[in-house]
N, C-alpha and C. Protein backbone atom coordinates (compact mmCIF):
# COMPACT_ATOMS: atom_id res chain seq x y z
N MET A 1 -29.24 58.90 77.33
CA MET A 1 -30.20 59.19 78.61
C MET A 1 -31.48 57.90 78.11
N GLU A 2 -32.12 57.03 78.94
CA GLU A 2 -33.20 56.63 78.64
C GLU A 2 -34.74 57.17 78.42
N LYS A 3 -35.40 56.89 78.11
CA LYS A 3 -36.64 57.13 77.78
C LYS A 3 -37.55 57.02 79.03
N ARG A 4 -37.28 56.39 79.94
CA ARG A 4 -38.08 56.14 81.14
C ARG A 4 -37.82 57.66 81.66
N ARG A 5 -36.41 57.99 81.78
CA ARG A 5 -36.15 58.95 82.98
C ARG A 5 -36.53 60.37 82.55
N LEU A 6 -36.44 60.34 80.83
CA LEU A 6 -37.11 61.75 80.43
C LEU A 6 -38.85 62.04 80.42
N LYS A 7 -39.34 60.80 80.91
CA LYS A 7 -40.56 61.04 81.33
C LYS A 7 -40.82 61.57 82.36
N PHE A 8 -39.63 61.82 83.55
CA PHE A 8 -39.91 62.37 84.82
C PHE A 8 -39.04 63.54 84.57
N ILE A 9 -37.97 63.57 84.14
CA ILE A 9 -37.24 64.95 83.67
C ILE A 9 -37.88 66.34 83.13
N ILE A 10 -38.23 65.84 82.26
CA ILE A 10 -38.69 67.08 81.24
C ILE A 10 -39.93 67.69 81.61
N PRO A 11 -41.40 66.67 82.10
CA PRO A 11 -42.50 67.25 82.84
C PRO A 11 -41.63 68.43 84.06
N THR A 12 -41.04 67.89 85.01
CA THR A 12 -40.56 68.55 85.96
C THR A 12 -39.57 69.70 85.69
N MET A 13 -39.51 69.72 84.52
CA MET A 13 -38.31 70.74 84.18
C MET A 13 -39.70 71.86 83.80
N VAL A 14 -40.62 71.74 83.05
CA VAL A 14 -41.63 72.33 82.26
C VAL A 14 -42.42 73.24 83.59
N ILE A 15 -42.83 72.32 84.54
CA ILE A 15 -43.87 72.67 85.79
C ILE A 15 -42.53 73.92 86.59
N VAL A 16 -41.45 73.47 86.92
CA VAL A 16 -40.75 74.44 87.50
C VAL A 16 -40.37 75.89 86.58
N ALA A 17 -40.43 75.47 85.43
CA ALA A 17 -39.98 76.57 84.61
C ALA A 17 -41.29 77.48 84.92
N THR A 18 -42.50 77.06 84.32
CA THR A 18 -43.39 77.97 84.61
C THR A 18 -44.03 78.30 86.02
N SER A 19 -43.75 77.57 87.05
CA SER A 19 -44.02 78.45 87.90
C SER A 19 -43.01 79.36 88.42
N ALA A 20 -41.76 79.41 88.33
CA ALA A 20 -40.91 80.35 88.23
C ALA A 20 -41.69 81.78 87.58
N ILE A 21 -41.66 81.40 86.18
CA ILE A 21 -42.23 82.68 85.54
C ILE A 21 -43.54 83.43 86.32
N LEU A 22 -44.19 82.63 86.76
CA LEU A 22 -45.75 83.02 87.40
C LEU A 22 -45.34 83.76 88.49
N MET A 23 -44.45 83.11 89.10
CA MET A 23 -44.47 84.01 90.64
C MET A 23 -43.35 84.98 89.88
N LEU A 24 -42.24 84.86 89.27
CA LEU A 24 -41.27 85.98 89.21
C LEU A 24 -42.54 87.09 88.58
N VAL A 25 -43.15 86.97 87.78
CA VAL A 25 -44.24 88.07 86.87
C VAL A 25 -45.11 88.35 88.01
N ASN A 26 -45.76 87.81 88.92
CA ASN A 26 -46.90 88.10 89.72
C ASN A 26 -46.40 88.62 91.00
N TYR A 27 -45.25 88.32 91.84
CA TYR A 27 -45.41 88.86 92.90
C TYR A 27 -43.87 89.39 92.83
N TYR A 28 -43.10 89.46 91.90
CA TYR A 28 -41.55 89.87 92.24
C TYR A 28 -41.41 91.12 90.91
N GLU A 29 -41.97 92.01 90.78
CA GLU A 29 -41.97 93.00 89.49
C GLU A 29 -40.87 94.22 89.64
N GLU A 30 -40.51 94.10 90.67
CA GLU A 30 -39.39 95.20 90.86
C GLU A 30 -37.86 94.39 90.50
N VAL A 31 -38.13 92.90 90.25
CA VAL A 31 -36.91 92.59 89.69
C VAL A 31 -36.36 92.90 88.30
N PRO A 32 -35.45 92.69 87.40
CA PRO A 32 -35.32 93.40 86.37
C PRO A 32 -35.30 92.33 85.54
N THR A 33 -35.72 92.38 84.29
CA THR A 33 -35.96 91.03 83.40
C THR A 33 -35.07 90.36 82.74
N TYR A 34 -33.82 91.10 82.82
CA TYR A 34 -32.81 90.28 82.73
C TYR A 34 -32.12 89.35 83.58
N HIS A 35 -32.81 89.76 85.14
CA HIS A 35 -32.43 88.61 86.63
C HIS A 35 -33.92 87.74 86.24
N LYS A 36 -35.02 88.22 85.97
CA LYS A 36 -36.13 87.37 85.70
C LYS A 36 -35.81 86.33 84.89
N VAL A 37 -35.16 86.15 84.08
CA VAL A 37 -34.46 85.39 82.67
C VAL A 37 -33.18 84.17 83.35
N LEU A 38 -32.66 84.92 83.72
CA LEU A 38 -31.29 84.10 84.38
C LEU A 38 -32.12 83.17 85.81
N ILE A 39 -32.78 83.68 86.38
CA ILE A 39 -33.80 82.30 87.36
C ILE A 39 -34.26 81.56 86.98
N VAL A 40 -34.87 81.94 85.92
CA VAL A 40 -35.54 80.94 85.59
C VAL A 40 -35.33 79.89 85.10
N ILE A 41 -33.99 80.42 83.82
CA ILE A 41 -33.12 79.40 83.65
C ILE A 41 -32.35 78.85 84.52
N SER A 42 -31.81 79.09 85.55
CA SER A 42 -31.00 78.63 86.22
C SER A 42 -32.09 77.87 87.34
N ALA A 43 -33.32 78.02 87.53
CA ALA A 43 -34.02 76.81 88.36
C ALA A 43 -34.41 75.98 87.24
N THR A 44 -34.61 76.14 86.19
CA THR A 44 -35.26 74.92 85.51
C THR A 44 -33.85 73.91 85.30
N ILE A 45 -32.56 74.49 85.00
CA ILE A 45 -31.40 73.02 84.63
C ILE A 45 -31.45 72.74 85.84
N PHE A 46 -31.58 73.41 87.66
CA PHE A 46 -31.07 72.92 88.56
C PHE A 46 -32.26 71.76 88.91
N SER A 47 -33.26 71.96 88.71
CA SER A 47 -34.31 71.16 88.90
C SER A 47 -34.09 70.07 87.46
N GLY A 48 -33.47 69.97 86.28
CA GLY A 48 -33.49 68.72 85.49
C GLY A 48 -32.43 67.95 86.53
N ILE A 49 -31.40 68.48 87.35
CA ILE A 49 -29.99 67.62 87.13
C ILE A 49 -30.42 67.12 88.39
N LEU A 50 -31.46 67.67 89.31
CA LEU A 50 -32.03 67.19 90.54
C LEU A 50 -32.68 65.81 90.13
N ALA A 51 -33.64 66.01 88.94
CA ALA A 51 -34.84 64.91 88.98
C ALA A 51 -33.92 63.97 88.40
N HIS A 52 -32.79 64.52 87.18
CA HIS A 52 -32.06 63.07 86.71
C HIS A 52 -30.78 62.33 87.97
N GLY A 53 -31.12 62.82 89.15
CA GLY A 53 -30.30 61.94 90.47
C GLY A 53 -31.30 61.30 90.75
N LEU A 54 -32.28 61.58 91.01
CA LEU A 54 -33.42 61.30 91.95
C LEU A 54 -34.49 59.88 91.44
N PHE A 55 -34.86 60.49 90.22
CA PHE A 55 -36.19 59.60 89.44
C PHE A 55 -35.17 58.03 89.17
N PRO A 56 -35.91 57.02 89.08
CA PRO A 56 -35.44 55.81 88.44
C PRO A 56 -34.79 55.97 86.97
N HIS A 57 -34.14 54.82 87.04
CA HIS A 57 -33.56 54.51 85.80
C HIS A 57 -33.72 52.95 84.91
N ASN A 58 -33.09 52.35 83.81
CA ASN A 58 -33.13 51.09 83.79
C ASN A 58 -31.66 50.82 84.08
N ASP A 59 -31.26 50.52 84.93
CA ASP A 59 -30.18 49.77 85.01
C ASP A 59 -30.03 48.57 86.10
N GLU A 60 -31.46 47.97 86.20
CA GLU A 60 -31.65 47.16 86.71
C GLU A 60 -31.64 45.90 86.21
N GLU A 61 -30.66 44.62 86.72
CA GLU A 61 -30.25 43.79 85.98
C GLU A 61 -31.15 42.28 86.05
N ILE A 62 -31.44 41.96 84.48
CA ILE A 62 -32.29 41.23 84.25
C ILE A 62 -31.89 39.74 85.16
N PRO A 63 -32.79 38.78 86.03
CA PRO A 63 -32.71 38.18 86.94
C PRO A 63 -32.23 36.78 86.24
N ASP A 64 -31.28 36.01 86.71
CA ASP A 64 -30.71 34.82 85.79
C ASP A 64 -31.75 33.88 86.05
N LYS A 65 -31.70 32.83 85.01
CA LYS A 65 -33.03 31.54 84.23
C LYS A 65 -32.16 30.79 85.30
N LYS A 66 -33.45 30.18 85.74
CA LYS A 66 -32.51 28.85 86.54
C LYS A 66 -32.11 27.85 86.38
N PRO A 67 -30.74 27.63 86.60
CA PRO A 67 -29.92 26.56 86.40
C PRO A 67 -30.98 25.24 85.44
N SER A 68 -30.54 24.88 84.35
CA SER A 68 -31.38 23.63 83.55
C SER A 68 -31.24 22.23 84.67
N ASN A 69 -30.05 22.46 85.11
CA ASN A 69 -30.02 21.21 86.20
C ASN A 69 -31.19 20.93 87.38
N LEU A 70 -31.84 21.73 87.68
CA LEU A 70 -32.80 22.01 88.52
C LEU A 70 -34.42 21.85 87.64
N ASN A 71 -34.65 21.70 86.60
CA ASN A 71 -35.72 21.58 85.72
C ASN A 71 -35.58 20.41 85.99
N LYS A 72 -34.89 19.55 85.27
CA LYS A 72 -34.93 18.22 85.08
C LYS A 72 -35.19 17.19 85.97
N ARG A 73 -35.51 16.36 86.66
CA ARG A 73 -35.79 15.20 87.58
C ARG A 73 -34.55 14.18 87.74
N SER A 74 -33.94 14.22 88.99
CA SER A 74 -33.36 13.35 89.33
C SER A 74 -33.30 11.44 88.79
N SER A 75 -32.55 11.01 87.99
CA SER A 75 -33.22 9.45 87.76
C SER A 75 -32.16 8.64 88.94
N LYS A 76 -32.47 9.00 89.94
CA LYS A 76 -32.03 7.76 90.75
C LYS A 76 -33.42 7.33 91.66
């Protein structure tokens, strides 16, 4: 996996994990702890998969160099 893509994926997963933990702890206290862990893990993995598909990657082709015969002046 490319480093450029990881710069987007890892922070996205961290943000989703921390926000899921905070929301589950503060607003949904009645949910069992085991279920909270499963929700956080699945949300983090799902956001990583989405980020992998949506954020840019380095598969761009390098433009071809100009042909050498265009750089030379014609001698007519």
